[in-house]
C-alpha atoms as a PDB file:
ATOM      1  CA  UNK A   1     106.187 112.613 107.065  1.00  0.00           C
ATOM      2  CA  UNK A   2     109.768 113.264 108.078  1.00  0.00           C
ATOM      3  CA  UNK A   3     110.057 116.224 105.699  1.00  0.00           C
ATOM      4  CA  UNK A   4     109.342 114.072 102.629  1.00  0.00           C
ATOM      5  CA  UNK A   5     106.397 114.272 100.298  1.00  0.00           C
ATOM      6  CA  UNK A   6     104.416 111.002 100.372  1.00  0.00           C
ATOM      7  CA  UNK A   7     105.619 110.122  96.858  1.00  0.00           C
ATOM      8  CA  UNK A   8     109.327 110.621  97.581  1.00  0.00           C
ATOM      9  CA  UNK A   9     111.472 107.571  98.277  1.00  0.00           C
ATOM     10  CA  UNK A  10     114.865 108.607  99.540  1.00  0.00           C
ATOM     11  CA  UNK A  11     117.751 107.743  97.220  1.00  0.00           C
ATOM     12  CA  UNK A  12     119.023 104.241  97.989  1.00  0.00           C
ATOM     13  CA  UNK A  13     116.063 103.339 100.221  1.00  0.00           C
ATOM     14  CA  UNK A  14     114.365  99.974  99.911  1.00  0.00           C
ATOM     15  CA  UNK A  15     110.632  99.343 100.197  1.00  0.00           C
ATOM     16  CA  UNK A  16     110.284  97.504 103.502  1.00  0.00           C
ATOM     17  CA  UNK A  17     107.493  95.168 104.652  1.00  0.00           C
ATOM     18  CA  UNK A  18     106.758  95.060 108.387  1.00  0.00           C
ATOM     19  CA  UNK A  19     104.174  92.798 110.034  1.00  0.00           C
ATOM     20  CA  UNK A  20     101.848  94.734 112.341  1.00  0.00           C
ATOM     21  CA  UNK A  21      99.619  93.754 115.222  1.00  0.00           C
ATOM     22  CA  UNK A  22      95.859  93.802 114.760  1.00  0.00           C
ATOM     23  CA  UNK A  23      95.542  96.216 117.692  1.00  0.00           C
ATOM     24  CA  UNK A  24      97.148  98.772 115.308  1.00  0.00           C
ATOM     25  CA  UNK A  25      94.386  98.463 112.707  1.00  0.00           C
ATOM     26  CA  UNK A  26      92.194 101.488 111.983  1.00  0.00           C
ATOM     27  CA  UNK A  27      89.127 102.167 109.816  1.00  0.00           C
ATOM     28  CA  UNK A  28      88.240 101.302 107.164  1.00  0.00           C
ATOM     29  CA  UNK A  29      90.479  98.199 107.469  1.00  0.00           C
ATOM     30  CA  UNK A  30      89.232  97.538 111.014  1.00  0.00           C
ATOM     31  CA  UNK A  31      85.633  97.500 109.710  1.00  0.00           C
ATOM     32  CA  UNK A  32      86.549  94.869 107.100  1.00  0.00           C
ATOM     33  CA  UNK A  33      88.473  92.817 109.662  1.00  0.00           C
ATOM     34  CA  UNK A  34      85.477  92.864 112.042  1.00  0.00           C
ATOM     35  CA  UNK A  35      83.105  91.855 109.207  1.00  0.00           C
ATOM     36  CA  UNK A  36      85.415  88.965 108.175  1.00  0.00           C
ATOM     37  CA  UNK A  37      85.919  87.858 111.794  1.00  0.00           C
ATOM     38  CA  UNK A  38      82.164  87.719 112.407  1.00  0.00           C
ATOM     39  CA  UNK A  39      81.616  85.659 109.247  1.00  0.00           C
ATOM     40  CA  UNK A  40      84.326  83.109 109.973  1.00  0.00           C
ATOM     41  CA  UNK A  41      82.737  82.045 113.254  1.00  0.00           C
ATOM     42  CA  UNK A  42      85.797  80.135 114.588  1.00  0.00           C
ATOM     43  CA  UNK A  43      86.866  78.760 111.187  1.00  0.00           C
ATOM     44  CA  UNK A  44      90.136  79.731 109.443  1.00  0.00           C
ATOM     45  CA  UNK A  45      88.013  82.011 107.267  1.00  0.00           C
ATOM     46  CA  UNK A  46      84.509  82.368 105.865  1.00  0.00           C
ATOM     47  CA  UNK A  47      83.453  80.711 102.617  1.00  0.00           C
ATOM     48  CA  UNK A  48      83.828  82.872  99.502  1.00  0.00           C
ATOM     49  CA  UNK A  49      80.051  82.777  98.936  1.00  0.00           C
ATOM     50  CA  UNK A  50      79.560  84.197 102.467  1.00  0.00           C
ATOM     51  CA  UNK A  51      81.943  87.119 101.982  1.00  0.00           C
ATOM     52  CA  UNK A  52      80.022  89.877 100.212  1.00  0.00           C
ATOM     53  CA  UNK A  53      82.256  92.519  98.607  1.00  0.00           C
ATOM     54  CA  UNK A  54      79.264  94.835  98.466  1.00  0.00           C
ATOM     55  CA  UNK A  55      79.168  94.797 102.296  1.00  0.00           C
ATOM     56  CA  UNK A  56      82.557  96.572 102.307  1.00  0.00           C
ATOM     57  CA  UNK A  57      82.869 100.350 102.204  1.00  0.00           C
ATOM     58  CA  UNK A  58      82.598 101.240  98.511  1.00  0.00           C
ATOM     59  CA  UNK A  59      85.632 103.533  98.796  1.00  0.00           C
ATOM     60  CA  UNK A  60      87.946 100.541  99.330  1.00  0.00           C
ATOM     61  CA  UNK A  61      86.748  98.303  96.489  1.00  0.00           C
ATOM     62  CA  UNK A  62      89.276  99.791  93.995  1.00  0.00           C
ATOM     63  CA  UNK A  63      92.077  98.633  96.332  1.00  0.00           C
ATOM     64  CA  UNK A  64      90.573  95.222  97.043  1.00  0.00           C
ATOM     65  CA  UNK A  65      91.713  91.918  95.589  1.00  0.00           C
ATOM     66  CA  UNK A  66      90.427  88.358  95.893  1.00  0.00           C
ATOM     67  CA  UNK A  67      92.696  85.435  94.979  1.00  0.00           C
ATOM     68  CA  UNK A  68      91.972  81.739  94.757  1.00  0.00           C
ATOM     69  CA  UNK A  69      94.656  79.387  96.123  1.00  0.00           C
ATOM     70  CA  UNK A  70      95.379  76.504  93.739  1.00  0.00           C
ATOM     71  CA  UNK A  71      97.415  74.061  95.850  1.00  0.00           C
ATOM     72  CA  UNK A  72      97.840  71.518  93.046  1.00  0.00           C
ATOM     73  CA  UNK A  73      99.910  74.040  91.080  1.00  0.00           C
ATOM     74  CA  UNK A  74     101.142  76.119  94.028  1.00  0.00           C
ATOM     75  CA  UNK A  75      99.712  79.228  92.357  1.00  0.00           C
ATOM     76  CA  UNK A  76      97.228  81.986  93.096  1.00  0.00           C
ATOM     77  CA  UNK A  77      94.702  83.362  90.588  1.00  0.00           C
ATOM     78  CA  UNK A  78      92.990  86.715  90.928  1.00  0.00           C
ATOM     79  CA  UNK A  79      89.213  86.330  91.062  1.00  0.00           C
ATOM     80  CA  UNK A  80      88.752  90.084  91.647  1.00  0.00           C
ATOM     81  CA  UNK A  81      91.365  92.716  90.869  1.00  0.00           C
ATOM     82  CA  UNK A  82      90.368  96.201  92.046  1.00  0.00           C
ATOM     83  CA  UNK A  83      90.492  98.940  89.409  1.00  0.00           C
ATOM     84  CA  UNK A  84      93.183 100.926  91.225  1.00  0.00           C
ATOM     85  CA  UNK A  85      95.636  98.051  90.818  1.00  0.00           C
ATOM     86  CA  UNK A  86      95.240  98.232  87.052  1.00  0.00           C
ATOM     87  CA  UNK A  87      96.272 101.877  87.303  1.00  0.00           C
ATOM     88  CA  UNK A  88      99.131 101.190  89.731  1.00  0.00           C
ATOM     89  CA  UNK A  89     100.579  98.131  87.932  1.00  0.00           C
ATOM     90  CA  UNK A  90      99.568  99.007  84.383  1.00  0.00           C
ATOM     91  CA  UNK A  91      97.905  95.637  83.824  1.00  0.00           C
ATOM     92  CA  UNK A  92      94.625  93.895  84.730  1.00  0.00           C
ATOM     93  CA  UNK A  93      95.435  90.597  86.441  1.00  0.00           C
ATOM     94  CA  UNK A  94      91.867  89.257  86.698  1.00  0.00           C
ATOM     95  CA  UNK A  95      92.119  85.463  86.186  1.00  0.00           C
ATOM     96  CA  UNK A  96      95.933  85.711  86.262  1.00  0.00           C
ATOM     97  CA  UNK A  97      98.679  85.121  88.801  1.00  0.00           C
ATOM     98  CA  UNK A  98     100.676  87.715  90.760  1.00  0.00           C
ATOM     99  CA  UNK A  99     103.664  86.258  88.918  1.00  0.00           C
ATOM    100  CA  UNK A 100     102.136  87.646  85.697  1.00  0.00           C
ATOM    101  CA  UNK A 101     102.981  91.193  86.812  1.00  0.00           C
ATOM    102  CA  UNK A 102     105.398  92.815  84.342  1.00  0.00           C
ATOM    103  CA  UNK A 103     107.736  93.455  87.273  1.00  0.00           C
ATOM    104  CA  UNK A 104     108.687  89.899  88.231  1.00  0.00           C
ATOM    105  CA  UNK A 105     110.312  90.838  91.545  1.00  0.00           C
ATOM    106  CA  UNK A 106     107.057  92.423  92.765  1.00  0.00           C
ATOM    107  CA  UNK A 107     104.986  89.488  91.486  1.00  0.00           C
ATOM    108  CA  UNK A 108     107.111  86.966  93.413  1.00  0.00           C
ATOM    109  CA  UNK A 109     107.032  89.171  96.508  1.00  0.00           C
ATOM    110  CA  UNK A 110     103.208  89.311  96.426  1.00  0.00           C
ATOM    111  CA  UNK A 111     102.993  85.557  95.772  1.00  0.00           C
ATOM    112  CA  UNK A 112     105.143  84.929  98.863  1.00  0.00           C
ATOM    113  CA  UNK A 113     103.001  87.295 100.949  1.00  0.00           C
ATOM    114  CA  UNK A 114      99.940  85.259  99.950  1.00  0.00           C
ATOM    115  CA  UNK A 115     101.786  82.001 100.814  1.00  0.00           C
ATOM    116  CA  UNK A 116     102.347  83.374 104.333  1.00  0.00           C
ATOM    117  CA  UNK A 117      98.581  83.630 104.841  1.00  0.00           C
ATOM    118  CA  UNK A 118      98.030  80.086 103.499  1.00  0.00           C
ATOM    119  CA  UNK A 119     100.793  78.512 105.609  1.00  0.00           C
ATOM    120  CA  UNK A 120      99.839  80.360 108.793  1.00  0.00           C
ATOM    121  CA  UNK A 121      96.125  79.790 108.179  1.00  0.00           C
ATOM    122  CA  UNK A 122      95.611  83.254 109.628  1.00  0.00           C
ATOM    123  CA  UNK A 123      95.094  86.842 108.516  1.00  0.00           C
ATOM    124  CA  UNK A 124      97.986  89.250 108.375  1.00  0.00           C
ATOM    125  CA  UNK A 125      98.418  92.985 108.528  1.00  0.00           C
ATOM    126  CA  UNK A 126     101.447  94.479 106.833  1.00  0.00           C
ATOM    127  CA  UNK A 127     102.885  97.974 106.550  1.00  0.00           C
ATOM    128  CA  UNK A 128     105.014  98.880 103.562  1.00  0.00           C
ATOM    129  CA  UNK A 129     107.309 101.859 103.580  1.00  0.00           C
ATOM    130  CA  UNK A 130     110.944 102.849 103.769  1.00  0.00           C
ATOM    131  CA  UNK A 131     113.432 103.539 106.519  1.00  0.00           C
ATOM    132  CA  UNK A 132     115.762 106.512 106.502  1.00  0.00           C
ATOM    133  CA  UNK A 133     118.026 107.392 109.430  1.00  0.00           C
ATOM    134  CA  UNK A 134     116.271 104.619 111.397  1.00  0.00           C
ATOM    135  CA  UNK A 135     112.799 106.149 111.007  1.00  0.00           C
ATOM    136  CA  UNK A 136     110.128 104.109 109.214  1.00  0.00           C
ATOM    137  CA  UNK A 137     107.773 106.051 106.907  1.00  0.00           C
ATOM    138  CA  UNK A 138     104.669 104.072 106.025  1.00  0.00           C
ATOM    139  CA  UNK A 139     103.265 104.315 102.500  1.00  0.00           C
ATOM    140  CA  UNK A 140     100.726 101.464 102.512  1.00  0.00           C
ATOM    141  CA  UNK A 141      98.893  99.153 104.930  1.00  0.00           C
ATOM    142  CA  UNK A 142      97.668  95.803 103.613  1.00  0.00           C
ATOM    143  CA  UNK A 143      95.135  93.523 105.294  1.00  0.00           C
ATOM    144  CA  UNK A 144      94.993  89.918 104.018  1.00  0.00           C
ATOM    145  CA  UNK A 145      92.088  87.743 105.155  1.00  0.00           C
ATOM    146  CA  UNK A 146      91.881  83.987 104.433  1.00  0.00           C
ATOM    147  CA  UNK A 147      88.827  82.315 102.939  1.00  0.00           C
ATOM    148  CA  UNK A 148      87.972  78.659 103.525  1.00  0.00           C
ATOM    149  CA  UNK A 149      85.328  77.007 101.390  1.00  0.00           C
ATOM    150  CA  UNK A 150      85.489  73.739 103.340  1.00  0.00           C
ATOM    151  CA  UNK A 151      85.863  75.279 106.804  1.00  0.00           C
ATOM    152  CA  UNK A 152      89.326  73.718 107.314  1.00  0.00           C
ATOM    153  CA  UNK A 153      91.791  74.698 104.593  1.00  0.00           C
ATOM    154  CA  UNK A 154      92.592  78.049 103.015  1.00  0.00           C
ATOM    155  CA  UNK A 155      91.088  78.289  99.535  1.00  0.00           C
ATOM    156  CA  UNK A 156      91.457  82.000  98.905  1.00  0.00           C
ATOM    157  CA  UNK A 157      92.454  85.405 100.290  1.00  0.00           C
ATOM    158  CA  UNK A 158      90.770  88.805 100.352  1.00  0.00           C
ATOM    159  CA  UNK A 159      93.290  91.664 100.321  1.00  0.00           C
ATOM    160  CA  UNK A 160      92.484  95.281 101.107  1.00  0.00           C
ATOM    161  CA  UNK A 161      95.065  98.067 100.852  1.00  0.00           C
ATOM    162  CA  UNK A 162      95.053 101.498 102.396  1.00  0.00           C
ATOM    163  CA  UNK A 163      97.500 103.666 100.447  1.00  0.00           C
ATOM    164  CA  UNK A 164      98.821 106.732 102.266  1.00  0.00           C
ATOM    165  CA  UNK A 165      98.994 109.595  99.802  1.00  0.00           C
ATOM    166  CA  UNK A 166      96.641 107.953  97.314  1.00  0.00           C
ATOM    167  CA  UNK A 167      96.984 105.831  94.207  1.00  0.00           C
ATOM    168  CA  UNK A 168      99.531 108.184  92.636  1.00  0.00           C
ATOM    169  CA  UNK A 169     101.865 107.431  95.557  1.00  0.00           C
ATOM    170  CA  UNK A 170     101.617 103.692  94.933  1.00  0.00           C
ATOM    171  CA  UNK A 171     102.065 104.180  91.204  1.00  0.00           C
ATOM    172  CA  UNK A 172     105.219 106.262  91.807  1.00  0.00           C
ATOM    173  CA  UNK A 173     106.660 103.570  94.070  1.00  0.00           C
ATOM    174  CA  UNK A 174     106.017 100.841  91.501  1.00  0.00           C
ATOM    175  CA  UNK A 175     107.711 103.052  88.898  1.00  0.00           C
ATOM    176  CA  UNK A 176     110.758 103.359  91.229  1.00  0.00           C
ATOM    177  CA  UNK A 177     110.814  99.577  91.680  1.00  0.00           C
ATOM    178  CA  UNK A 178     110.650  99.028  87.917  1.00  0.00           C
ATOM    179  CA  UNK A 179     113.447 101.565  87.383  1.00  0.00           C
ATOM    180  CA  UNK A 180     115.608  99.752  89.959  1.00  0.00           C
ATOM    181  CA  UNK A 181     115.625 102.761  92.306  1.00  0.00           C
ATOM    182  CA  UNK A 182     114.224 100.651  95.164  1.00  0.00           C
ATOM    183  CA  UNK A 183     114.024  96.978  96.191  1.00  0.00           C
ATOM    184  CA  UNK A 184     111.645  95.014  98.406  1.00  0.00           C
ATOM    185  CA  UNK A 185     112.868  93.689 101.746  1.00  0.00           C
ATOM    186  CA  UNK A 186     110.920  91.972 104.513  1.00  0.00           C
ATOM    187  CA  UNK A 187     111.711  92.936 108.088  1.00  0.00           C
ATOM    188  CA  UNK A 188     111.109  90.789 111.172  1.00  0.00           C
ATOM    189  CA  UNK A 189     107.772  91.478 112.918  1.00  0.00           C
ATOM    190  CA  UNK A 190     107.967  94.745 114.809  1.00  0.00           C
ATOM    191  CA  UNK A 191     106.056  97.930 115.308  1.00  0.00           C
ATOM    192  CA  UNK A 192     106.287 100.287 112.295  1.00  0.00           C
ATOM    193  CA  UNK A 193     106.592 103.227 114.691  1.00  0.00           C
ATOM    194  CA  UNK A 194     110.149 102.239 115.591  1.00  0.00           C
END
């Protein structure tokens, strides 16, 4: 970990989002991706009623979210908000929007990440971390999988996070973002190992 504890963000570092390739995916996220891919059967995504949360490894349900896409309002609403997110963000967003997060910058960032899935009509795999002296240290991997109730358009997204260092790491990072000690920044697609 480059000499840092998982919960330490170097002074002046920004939380960085890097798109990853699906060849980089590892369990348990790879198991969820394979399950989703089998269900979609050539469609942009499976129907919500086909995607069974109880088929996922139980250990990842606390870091799982399901959002509905509401194109008429351009908003997302959480249908399922894993219990670890309530701990991390300090609020339960079930039946609410990412923009309802107390930290507005983070809410808009998440909203835009969801929009990427809708516009690309494809899953995405993101790494979040920070870069110090040109070295990227990953703190979280996020898999977003589209759902399509009509078989053609994206109607929702399943999100599963794998947090390196545990929930306390994520909670510490959110605290740093709230305190203004770090900012989000999206990098062009590249390998996080650079």
